[in-house]
Protein backbone atom coordinates (compact mmCIF):
# COMPACT_ATOMS: atom_id res chain seq x y z
CA MET A 1 22.60 -19.32 13.10
CA ARG A 2 21.32 -21.47 10.23
CA SER A 3 22.05 -20.37 6.65
CA LYS A 4 19.17 -18.41 5.15
CA THR A 5 18.07 -17.44 1.64
CA ILE A 6 18.99 -13.84 0.96
CA VAL A 7 17.02 -11.70 -1.48
CA LYS A 8 17.49 -8.19 -2.80
CA GLU A 9 15.04 -5.47 -1.94
CA GLU A 10 15.57 -3.42 -5.10
CA LEU A 11 16.41 -4.40 -8.68
CA PRO A 12 16.28 -1.96 -11.65
CA ALA A 13 14.41 -3.13 -14.76
CA LYS A 14 17.70 -3.35 -16.71
CA GLU A 15 19.23 -5.68 -14.11
CA LEU A 16 16.01 -7.71 -13.87
CA LEU A 17 16.07 -8.26 -17.63
CA LYS A 18 19.73 -9.34 -17.48
CA SER A 19 19.00 -11.83 -14.73
CA ILE A 20 16.02 -13.35 -16.59
CA CYS A 21 18.07 -13.69 -19.77
CA SER A 22 20.87 -15.36 -17.78
CA ILE A 23 18.51 -18.01 -16.48
CA ALA A 24 17.22 -18.70 -20.00
CA GLU A 25 20.73 -18.82 -21.43
CA ASN A 26 21.74 -21.42 -18.82
CA VAL A 27 18.80 -23.63 -19.93
CA LEU A 28 19.89 -23.33 -23.57
CA LYS A 29 23.46 -24.23 -22.68
CA ASP A 30 22.26 -27.34 -20.89
CA ILE A 31 20.32 -28.37 -24.01
CA GLU A 32 23.33 -27.70 -26.30
CA ARG A 33 25.51 -29.89 -24.04
CA ARG A 34 22.84 -32.57 -24.15
CA LYS A 35 22.32 -32.13 -20.41
CA ASN A 36 18.98 -32.34 -18.67
CA PRO A 37 17.87 -28.70 -18.47
CA GLY A 38 16.47 -27.56 -15.16
CA PHE A 39 16.21 -25.02 -12.43
CA GLU A 40 17.59 -25.08 -8.88
CA VAL A 41 14.73 -23.60 -6.84
CA PRO A 42 14.99 -22.72 -3.16
CA ASN A 43 12.53 -24.95 -1.33
CA ARG A 44 9.66 -22.93 0.12
CA GLY A 45 8.10 -25.92 1.82
CA ALA A 46 7.31 -26.29 5.50
CA GLY A 47 10.64 -28.05 6.17
CA ASN A 48 12.79 -25.20 4.98
CA PHE A 49 12.01 -22.24 7.21
CA PHE A 50 13.44 -21.45 10.59
CA TYR A 51 12.90 -19.07 13.45
CA ASP A 52 15.77 -16.86 14.54
CA GLU A 53 15.09 -16.18 18.21
CA LYS A 54 17.59 -13.39 18.43
CA SER A 55 15.92 -11.26 15.76
CA ASP A 56 12.42 -12.72 16.40
CA VAL A 57 11.90 -13.22 12.64
CA ILE A 58 10.98 -16.24 10.46
CA TYR A 59 13.47 -16.87 7.62
CA LEU A 60 13.63 -19.21 4.66
CA GLY A 61 16.41 -21.78 4.82
CA SER A 62 18.96 -22.63 2.11
CA LYS A 63 17.63 -26.02 0.96
CA LYS A 64 16.93 -26.29 -2.83
CA SER A 65 15.06 -28.64 -5.10
CA SER A 66 15.42 -29.32 -8.81
CA ARG A 67 12.86 -28.89 -11.54
CA THR A 68 13.96 -30.58 -14.77
CA PHE A 69 12.50 -31.04 -18.19
CA HIS A 70 13.11 -34.81 -18.46
CA SER A 71 11.35 -35.69 -15.25
CA VAL A 72 7.65 -36.63 -15.49
CA ALA A 73 7.01 -35.17 -12.09
CA THR A 74 8.58 -31.77 -12.85
CA THR A 75 8.11 -31.21 -16.60
CA THR A 76 4.93 -29.20 -16.13
CA ALA A 77 6.49 -26.91 -13.49
CA PHE A 78 9.55 -26.50 -15.71
CA THR A 79 7.44 -25.47 -18.64
CA GLN A 80 5.37 -23.11 -16.56
CA MET A 81 8.51 -21.43 -15.21
CA LEU A 82 9.84 -20.81 -18.69
CA PHE A 83 6.53 -19.29 -19.69
CA VAL A 84 6.34 -16.99 -16.69
CA LEU A 85 9.92 -15.94 -17.25
CA SER A 86 9.07 -14.98 -20.87
CA VAL A 87 6.18 -12.85 -19.55
CA LEU A 88 8.40 -11.19 -16.95
CA GLN A 89 11.03 -10.54 -19.66
CA GLU A 90 8.48 -8.61 -21.79
CA THR A 91 7.35 -6.70 -18.70
CA ALA A 92 10.93 -5.66 -17.86
CA GLU A 93 11.65 -4.65 -21.43
CA LYS A 94 8.61 -2.38 -21.51
CA LYS A 95 9.20 -1.17 -17.94
CA LYS A 96 5.61 -1.97 -17.02
CA HIS A 97 3.96 -3.78 -14.12
CA LEU A 98 1.71 -6.83 -14.17
CA THR A 99 -0.73 -8.11 -11.59
CA LYS A 100 -0.64 -11.74 -10.61
CA ARG A 101 -4.03 -12.09 -12.12
CA GLU A 102 -2.82 -10.83 -15.50
CA ILE A 103 0.02 -13.33 -15.56
CA TYR A 104 -2.41 -16.16 -14.88
CA TYR A 105 -4.68 -15.10 -17.72
CA GLN A 106 -1.77 -15.17 -20.19
CA ASP A 107 -2.45 -18.91 -20.38
CA PRO A 108 -4.97 -20.36 -17.87
CA GLU A 109 -4.80 -23.80 -19.50
CA LEU A 110 -1.10 -24.06 -18.86
CA PHE A 111 -1.78 -23.53 -15.16
CA ASN A 112 -4.66 -26.06 -15.18
CA LYS A 113 -7.09 -23.18 -14.58
CA ASP A 114 -5.64 -22.71 -11.10
CA GLN A 115 -4.25 -19.26 -10.30
CA ASP A 116 -2.56 -20.62 -7.19
CA ALA A 117 -0.18 -22.49 -9.50
CA SER A 118 0.94 -19.36 -11.30
CA ASP A 119 1.07 -17.33 -8.05
CA ASN A 120 3.36 -19.93 -6.46
CA LEU A 121 5.59 -19.96 -9.54
CA ILE A 122 5.96 -16.18 -9.31
CA GLU A 123 7.15 -16.56 -5.73
CA ASP A 124 9.49 -19.41 -6.79
CA ILE A 125 11.02 -17.31 -9.56
CA ALA A 126 11.51 -14.38 -7.22
CA VAL A 127 13.39 -16.42 -4.65
CA THR A 128 15.34 -18.29 -7.36
CA MET A 129 16.50 -14.91 -8.72
CA GLY A 130 17.23 -13.69 -5.20
CA VAL A 131 14.80 -10.79 -5.24
CA THR A 132 11.49 -9.79 -3.63
CA ARG A 133 8.33 -10.16 -5.74
CA PRO A 134 7.96 -6.39 -6.29
CA CYS A 135 11.40 -6.47 -7.96
CA LEU A 136 9.82 -8.69 -10.66
CA ARG A 137 7.45 -5.79 -11.39
CA VAL A 138 4.57 -8.03 -10.28
CA VAL A 139 1.99 -6.45 -8.01
CA ALA A 140 -1.03 -7.80 -6.12
CA THR A 141 -4.14 -5.87 -5.25
CA ALA A 142 -3.52 -3.89 -2.05
CA LYS A 143 -6.48 -3.83 0.33
CA GLY A 144 -5.00 -1.85 3.20
CA VAL A 145 -6.14 1.61 4.39
CA CYS A 146 -4.17 4.31 6.17
CA ILE A 147 -5.68 7.31 8.03
CA GLY A 148 -3.77 10.00 9.89
CA ASP A 149 -1.23 12.80 9.56
CA LEU A 150 1.03 11.25 6.93
CA THR A 151 2.06 13.24 3.88
CA LEU A 152 2.91 11.14 0.76
CA ARG A 153 3.95 11.74 -2.78
CA GLU A 154 2.90 9.24 -5.43
CA GLY A 155 4.05 10.30 -8.89
CA LYS A 156 3.06 13.98 -9.26
CA ASP A 157 0.46 13.81 -6.52
CA LYS A 158 1.22 15.00 -3.03
CA PHE A 159 -1.41 14.41 -0.33
CA ASN A 160 -2.01 13.92 3.40
CA CYS A 161 -3.82 10.77 4.59
CA SER A 162 -5.86 12.81 7.04
CA GLY A 163 -7.43 14.86 4.31
CA LEU A 164 -9.04 12.11 2.26
CA GLY A 165 -12.28 11.76 4.23
CA ARG A 166 -13.16 9.00 6.70
CA GLY A 167 -12.29 6.31 4.14
CA GLY A 168 -8.57 7.28 4.29
CA TRP A 169 -5.92 6.39 1.76
CA SER A 170 -6.11 3.03 0.04
CA VAL A 171 -2.54 1.70 0.24
CA SER A 172 -0.89 1.65 -3.20
CA PRO A 173 0.32 -1.69 -4.59
CA PHE A 174 3.36 0.34 -5.70
CA ILE A 175 4.23 1.26 -2.13
CA ASP A 176 7.96 1.28 -2.69
CA GLU A 177 7.49 3.98 -5.35
CA VAL A 178 5.57 6.20 -2.88
CA ASP A 179 7.67 8.79 -1.04
CA ILE A 180 6.97 9.52 2.59
CA VAL A 181 7.35 13.30 2.68
CA ASP A 182 6.37 14.01 6.29
CA CYS A 183 4.76 12.38 9.32
CA GLY A 184 3.08 14.07 12.25
CA ALA A 185 2.16 10.86 14.12
CA ASP A 186 3.80 9.47 17.26
CA TYR A 187 2.98 5.85 16.63
CA VAL A 188 1.11 3.38 14.34
CA LEU A 189 -1.94 1.50 15.50
CA VAL A 190 -2.66 -1.48 13.30
CA VAL A 191 -6.10 -2.97 13.52
CA GLU A 192 -7.09 -6.36 12.19
CA LYS A 193 -10.40 -5.44 10.53
CA ASP A 194 -12.04 -2.33 9.21
CA ALA A 195 -14.96 -2.79 11.60
CA ALA A 196 -12.60 -1.65 14.40
CA LEU A 197 -11.17 1.04 12.16
CA ILE A 198 -14.62 2.53 11.66
CA ARG A 199 -15.09 2.98 15.40
CA LEU A 200 -11.62 4.51 15.80
CA VAL A 201 -12.21 7.00 12.95
CA GLU A 202 -15.70 7.82 14.19
CA GLU A 203 -14.19 8.92 17.49
CA ASP A 204 -11.27 10.79 15.83
CA PHE A 205 -8.88 8.58 17.73
CA HIS A 206 -6.06 9.34 15.27
CA LYS A 207 -6.41 13.10 15.78
CA LYS A 208 -6.80 12.97 19.57
CA ASN A 209 -3.84 10.59 19.99
CA LYS A 210 -1.52 11.67 17.12
CA CYS A 211 -1.32 8.23 15.59
CA LEU A 212 -1.72 6.55 12.23
CA LEU A 213 -4.51 4.05 11.90
CA ILE A 214 -3.83 1.18 9.46
CA THR A 215 -5.76 -1.96 8.66
CA GLY A 216 -4.90 -4.81 6.34
CA LYS A 217 -8.55 -5.95 6.50
CA GLY A 218 -7.72 -9.39 7.83
CA GLN A 219 -4.62 -11.21 6.63
CA PRO A 220 -2.53 -8.30 5.42
CA ASP A 221 -1.22 -7.91 1.88
CA ILE A 222 2.42 -7.22 1.11
CA ALA A 223 1.95 -3.52 0.40
CA THR A 224 0.30 -2.88 3.75
CA ARG A 225 3.04 -4.81 5.63
CA ARG A 226 5.68 -2.93 3.64
CA LEU A 227 4.16 0.46 4.54
CA ILE A 228 4.16 -0.40 8.24
CA ARG A 229 7.77 -1.64 8.05
CA ARG A 230 8.81 1.61 6.36
CA LEU A 231 7.10 3.74 8.95
CA ASN A 232 8.84 1.79 11.69
CA LYS A 233 12.31 1.75 10.08
CA GLU A 234 12.41 5.07 8.24
CA TRP A 235 10.42 7.19 10.71
CA LYS A 236 11.12 5.21 13.95
CA LEU A 237 7.38 4.95 14.77
CA PRO A 238 6.41 2.33 17.41
CA VAL A 239 3.87 -0.14 16.05
CA TYR A 240 0.96 -1.55 18.11
CA VAL A 241 -1.32 -4.26 16.79
CA LEU A 242 -4.96 -4.70 17.81
CA THR A 243 -6.82 -7.88 16.76
CA ASP A 244 -9.75 -10.02 17.84
CA SER A 245 -9.07 -12.39 20.73
CA ASP A 246 -8.80 -15.57 18.71
CA SER A 247 -6.12 -17.79 17.08
CA TYR A 248 -6.56 -16.07 13.70
CA GLY A 249 -5.96 -12.64 15.22
CA MET A 250 -2.84 -13.85 17.03
CA GLN A 251 -1.54 -15.33 13.74
CA ILE A 252 -2.16 -11.99 11.97
CA CYS A 253 -0.24 -10.13 14.66
CA SER A 254 2.61 -12.60 14.35
CA SER A 255 2.71 -12.06 10.57
CA TYR A 256 3.15 -8.33 11.08
CA LYS A 257 5.79 -8.88 13.77
CA ARG A 258 7.84 -11.88 12.56
CA GLY A 259 6.91 -12.42 8.94
CA SER A 260 4.93 -15.41 7.56
CA ILE A 261 6.00 -18.92 6.63
CA SER A 262 4.75 -18.53 3.04
CA LEU A 263 6.82 -15.37 2.51
CA SER A 264 9.69 -16.18 4.79
CA PHE A 265 12.20 -15.24 2.06
CA GLU A 266 10.92 -11.67 2.25
CA SER A 267 10.71 -11.38 6.05
CA ALA A 268 13.73 -9.06 6.19
CA TYR A 269 11.71 -6.46 4.28
CA LEU A 270 8.22 -7.09 5.74
CA ALA A 271 8.56 -7.97 9.40
CA VAL A 272 8.51 -5.48 12.26
CA PRO A 273 10.09 -7.42 15.16
CA SER A 274 9.57 -4.47 17.60
CA ALA A 275 5.76 -4.48 16.94
CA ARG A 276 3.78 -4.86 20.14
CA PHE A 277 0.68 -7.01 20.48
CA LEU A 278 -1.70 -4.64 22.31
CA GLY A 279 -4.78 -6.85 22.37
CA LEU A 280 -7.46 -8.04 22.48
CA LEU A 281 -5.59 -10.56 24.67
CA PRO A 282 -7.39 -13.59 26.14
CA SER A 283 -6.52 -12.34 29.63
CA ASP A 284 -8.16 -9.01 28.82
CA LEU A 285 -11.60 -10.63 28.70
CA ASP A 286 -11.66 -10.93 32.49
CA LYS A 287 -9.47 -7.93 33.18
CA PHE A 288 -11.90 -5.64 31.34
CA LYS A 289 -14.97 -7.60 32.42
CA VAL A 290 -16.13 -8.60 28.97
CA PRO A 291 -19.55 -10.23 29.70
CA LYS A 292 -19.88 -13.95 29.07
CA ALA A 293 -22.73 -13.18 26.66
CA ALA A 294 -20.30 -11.29 24.45
CA ARG A 295 -17.78 -14.11 24.32
CA LEU A 296 -17.90 -16.87 21.69
CA GLU A 297 -17.20 -20.58 21.98
CA MET A 298 -14.15 -21.68 19.96
CA THR A 299 -14.89 -24.00 17.09
CA GLU A 300 -12.94 -27.23 16.59
CA TRP A 301 -11.08 -25.45 13.81
CA ASP A 302 -10.19 -22.57 16.20
CA ILE A 303 -8.88 -25.02 18.78
CA LYS A 304 -6.89 -27.04 16.29
CA LYS A 305 -5.34 -23.86 14.88
CA ALA A 306 -4.42 -22.62 18.32
CA GLN A 307 -2.90 -26.03 19.31
CA THR A 308 -0.83 -26.01 16.16
CA MET A 309 0.43 -22.48 16.95
CA LEU A 310 1.55 -23.59 20.41
CA GLU A 311 4.16 -25.82 18.69
CA TYR A 312 5.68 -22.95 16.70
CA PRO A 313 9.06 -22.00 18.18
CA TRP A 314 8.19 -18.28 18.08
CA ILE A 315 5.23 -19.03 20.37
CA LYS A 316 7.00 -21.68 22.55
CA ASN A 317 9.95 -19.37 23.18
CA ASN A 318 7.79 -16.46 24.30
CA LYS A 319 6.19 -17.10 27.70
CA ARG A 320 3.55 -14.41 27.40
CA TRP A 321 2.41 -15.41 23.88
CA TYR A 322 2.35 -19.05 24.98
CA SER A 323 0.40 -18.39 28.18
CA GLU A 324 -2.19 -16.18 26.41
CA LEU A 325 -2.78 -18.75 23.68
CA LYS A 326 -2.96 -21.54 26.26
CA LEU A 327 -5.51 -19.53 28.29
CA MET A 328 -7.66 -19.26 25.18
CA ILE A 329 -7.56 -23.00 24.55
CA ASP A 330 -8.26 -23.90 28.19
CA ARG A 331 -11.28 -21.67 28.36
CA ARG A 332 -12.33 -22.59 24.80
CA GLU A 333 -13.54 -19.03 24.27
CA LYS A 334 -12.76 -16.16 21.91
CA ALA A 335 -14.11 -12.62 21.41
CA GLU A 336 -14.18 -9.91 18.81
CA LEU A 337 -12.95 -6.39 19.56
CA GLN A 338 -16.52 -5.22 19.26
CA ALA A 339 -17.37 -7.17 22.40
CA LEU A 340 -15.89 -4.26 24.30
CA ALA A 341 -18.96 -2.21 23.18
CA LYS A 342 -20.94 -4.02 25.88
CA HIS A 343 -19.54 -1.32 28.18
CA GLY A 344 -20.54 1.46 25.75
CA ILE A 345 -19.71 2.19 22.14
CA THR A 346 -16.73 4.40 23.01
CA PHE A 347 -15.27 2.06 25.64
CA MET A 348 -12.59 0.74 23.27
CA THR A 349 -11.36 4.21 22.30
CA ASP A 350 -11.86 6.04 25.60
CA VAL A 351 -10.88 3.30 28.08
CA TYR A 352 -9.48 0.08 26.71
CA ILE A 353 -6.73 1.35 24.31
CA PRO A 354 -5.60 4.28 26.52
CA THR A 355 -5.39 2.04 29.55
CA LYS A 356 -3.32 -0.54 27.66
CA LEU A 357 -0.92 2.04 26.26
CA GLU A 358 -0.53 3.95 29.53
CA SER A 359 0.13 0.76 31.53
CA GLY A 360 2.40 -0.80 28.92
CA ASP A 361 0.26 -3.95 28.93
CA TRP A 362 1.28 -5.49 25.64
CA ILE A 363 3.31 -8.46 24.43
């Protein structure tokens, strides 16, 4: 197995502060020795991730790159890293949290008025320090929602996610500080978008089937992925993923299951390798007689995306994933979950999902 970059899942504020100061001290020592000060940063580029077939997870490799002060190409990035480190130091000293947006607004000009630049630096610093981003006390807005019999404690508040109305619980960005007190569900059903969630809640699917309904509202945020991982690992709940039948939906399912390329250094704490891709599979369109009028023609972007995915080792090495994606490309058609409503508005909850679960028809 290839060497991978290892990061810590937890780091107290005191240790975080010590680590930040250590990096700064090494820069000062380089200057005192008249050496070119710089940082050795694990390379998060496309050429430094790999797929471990045994664990079915995407990991970051061990290659590194240098960012030095006396290089025209890297001076800006070097300066930005020092600045962000100083902000993180203050945050650790005060034992507070910052959003990525707040860090960017500390000095937008330094980042050329591009928040992506500061966001990427935060990830770089996390992996350089060997920690996950939450360890840096940096949070991002969580957009996920959870509905079902799950009792949580956040600070002094204790509540059940089935008693918060049809809107459910908005996943906290501080998910690792939320205690899971009790769970009365038998499994987790993750849906790609809240449009499908609305139908499931309307039909009380979570109550009738003793499950937790979770959506990341498209490409999932870290907190939502972390919650699902915790439910799977800490409470041994099976995870099923329901997406639209398109390349984007398949990519989202893969992110939940294997981790993502962009956050491959955190895959060990975000991925759920045992997650099952329930549907909507391309082969389901015929199997469940989805009318042609309810199917959509794939755009050139859709086709290009799907063809690129076919080359990923985690797709190539899984015959069912490969064949489903290939079927989609060959037919040049996709469909939203809502297309099942052509058979009636409750077809998805009363027929499609139960049939798939009972027959074990998932990837």
